[in-house]
């Protein structure tokens, strides 16, 4: 199976609400794949704020926050505020791609940090 990066991995459709509905369910949890094979899932019901600039998204949860760094982050930001992003992980070739100076059209994630104030 070929791993997909970019927008498709964030907006992967889920089960439809009913056979007649075109709308898909929102994600319940946001799965964060950290460096070193650690994963943390945050409940969207605990998401309090999402901030974005050109190179960083900060998603604040109760307690803690997730800092996502990369380029072309607008689609991921939109998916987060719509509670549709299911997971995030560093793009395998993200660092070399970002250093090339070519402007991507889909998100390239170069770093992820999780800060839990509850630990």
Protein backbone atom coordinates (compact mmCIF):
# COMPACT_ATOMS: atom_id res chain seq x y z
CA UNK A 1 0.00 0.00 0.00
CA UNK A 2 1.39 3.39 -0.99
CA UNK A 3 1.40 5.91 1.86
CA UNK A 4 -0.29 9.19 0.95
CA UNK A 5 0.92 12.53 2.21
CA UNK A 6 -0.68 15.90 1.81
CA UNK A 7 -4.30 16.93 2.00
CA UNK A 8 -5.81 13.47 1.37
CA UNK A 9 -4.47 12.05 4.64
CA UNK A 10 -6.14 14.84 6.63
CA UNK A 11 -9.53 14.76 4.93
CA UNK A 12 -9.91 11.03 4.40
CA UNK A 13 -13.69 10.41 4.36
CA UNK A 14 -15.28 8.49 7.18
CA UNK A 15 -18.51 6.50 7.31
CA UNK A 16 -21.48 8.46 5.98
CA UNK A 17 -24.19 9.42 8.46
CA UNK A 18 -26.83 7.70 6.34
CA UNK A 19 -26.98 6.17 2.86
CA UNK A 20 -28.81 9.27 1.58
CA UNK A 21 -26.41 11.79 3.16
CA UNK A 22 -23.36 13.12 1.31
CA UNK A 23 -21.94 14.50 4.58
CA UNK A 24 -19.40 12.45 6.51
CA UNK A 25 -18.96 12.28 10.27
CA UNK A 26 -16.47 14.51 11.98
CA UNK A 27 -13.49 13.04 13.76
CA UNK A 28 -13.85 12.43 17.49
CA UNK A 29 -10.12 12.29 18.21
CA UNK A 30 -7.05 13.92 16.62
CA UNK A 31 -4.22 11.35 16.42
CA UNK A 32 -0.77 12.95 16.71
CA UNK A 33 2.24 10.85 15.62
CA UNK A 34 5.28 12.24 17.43
CA UNK A 35 8.92 11.58 16.57
CA UNK A 36 10.23 8.43 18.26
CA UNK A 37 7.14 6.28 17.61
CA UNK A 38 5.01 7.93 20.31
CA UNK A 39 1.37 8.70 19.56
CA UNK A 40 -1.12 10.86 21.46
CA UNK A 41 -4.80 11.23 20.64
CA UNK A 42 -6.62 14.41 21.68
CA UNK A 43 -10.38 14.71 21.93
CA UNK A 44 -11.87 17.38 19.67
CA UNK A 45 -14.29 18.20 22.48
CA UNK A 46 -11.27 19.53 24.41
CA UNK A 47 -9.98 21.72 21.56
CA UNK A 48 -10.15 25.35 22.69
CA UNK A 49 -8.18 27.29 20.07
CA UNK A 50 -6.28 26.83 16.80
CA UNK A 51 -3.76 29.46 15.67
CA UNK A 52 -1.81 29.50 12.41
CA UNK A 53 0.91 31.51 10.74
CA UNK A 54 2.87 30.71 7.58
CA UNK A 55 5.04 28.02 9.18
CA UNK A 56 3.21 26.82 12.29
CA UNK A 57 -0.15 25.66 13.62
CA UNK A 58 -0.77 25.65 17.37
CA UNK A 59 -3.78 23.61 18.46
CA UNK A 60 -4.63 24.18 22.13
CA UNK A 61 -6.40 21.45 24.06
CA UNK A 62 -7.41 21.19 27.72
CA UNK A 63 -4.75 20.42 28.93
CA UNK A 64 -1.82 21.00 26.60
CA UNK A 65 -1.15 21.92 23.00
CA UNK A 66 0.16 20.51 19.74
CA UNK A 67 2.62 22.53 17.66
CA UNK A 68 2.79 21.53 13.99
CA UNK A 69 5.50 23.02 11.78
CA UNK A 70 5.67 22.89 8.01
CA UNK A 71 4.69 24.61 4.80
CA UNK A 72 1.35 25.02 3.02
CA UNK A 73 -0.53 24.46 6.28
CA UNK A 74 -3.84 26.11 5.30
CA UNK A 75 -5.63 22.83 4.34
CA UNK A 76 -4.63 21.21 7.64
CA UNK A 77 -5.74 24.32 9.56
CA UNK A 78 -9.15 24.20 7.82
CA UNK A 79 -9.48 20.47 8.58
CA UNK A 80 -8.67 21.09 12.26
CA UNK A 81 -11.21 23.86 12.73
CA UNK A 82 -13.86 21.70 11.04
CA UNK A 83 -12.94 18.72 13.29
CA UNK A 84 -12.11 16.65 10.20
CA UNK A 85 -8.35 16.08 10.59
CA UNK A 86 -7.96 12.50 11.78
CA UNK A 87 -4.19 12.41 12.22
CA UNK A 88 -0.94 14.24 11.66
CA UNK A 89 2.64 13.02 11.29
CA UNK A 90 5.89 14.32 9.88
CA UNK A 91 6.05 13.97 6.11
CA UNK A 92 8.83 11.49 5.31
CA UNK A 93 10.55 13.73 2.76
CA UNK A 94 9.35 17.00 4.28
CA UNK A 95 12.67 18.42 5.43
CA UNK A 96 14.41 17.98 2.07
CA UNK A 97 11.37 19.23 0.17
CA UNK A 98 10.97 22.34 2.35
CA UNK A 99 14.68 23.15 1.95
CA UNK A 100 14.40 23.03 -1.85
CA UNK A 101 12.50 26.33 -1.97
CA UNK A 102 9.70 24.92 -4.16
CA UNK A 103 6.26 26.02 -2.94
CA UNK A 104 4.10 22.91 -2.36
CA UNK A 105 0.36 22.82 -2.95
CA UNK A 106 -0.39 20.38 -0.12
CA UNK A 107 0.77 20.37 3.52
CA UNK A 108 4.34 19.28 4.21
CA UNK A 109 4.81 18.61 7.93
CA UNK A 110 8.41 19.07 9.08
CA UNK A 111 7.98 18.89 12.86
CA UNK A 112 5.47 18.11 15.61
CA UNK A 113 5.64 18.80 19.33
CA UNK A 114 3.13 18.00 22.06
CA UNK A 115 3.13 19.91 25.33
CA UNK A 116 0.85 18.44 27.99
CA UNK A 117 0.36 20.78 30.95
CA UNK A 118 -1.47 18.00 32.77
CA UNK A 119 1.60 15.73 33.22
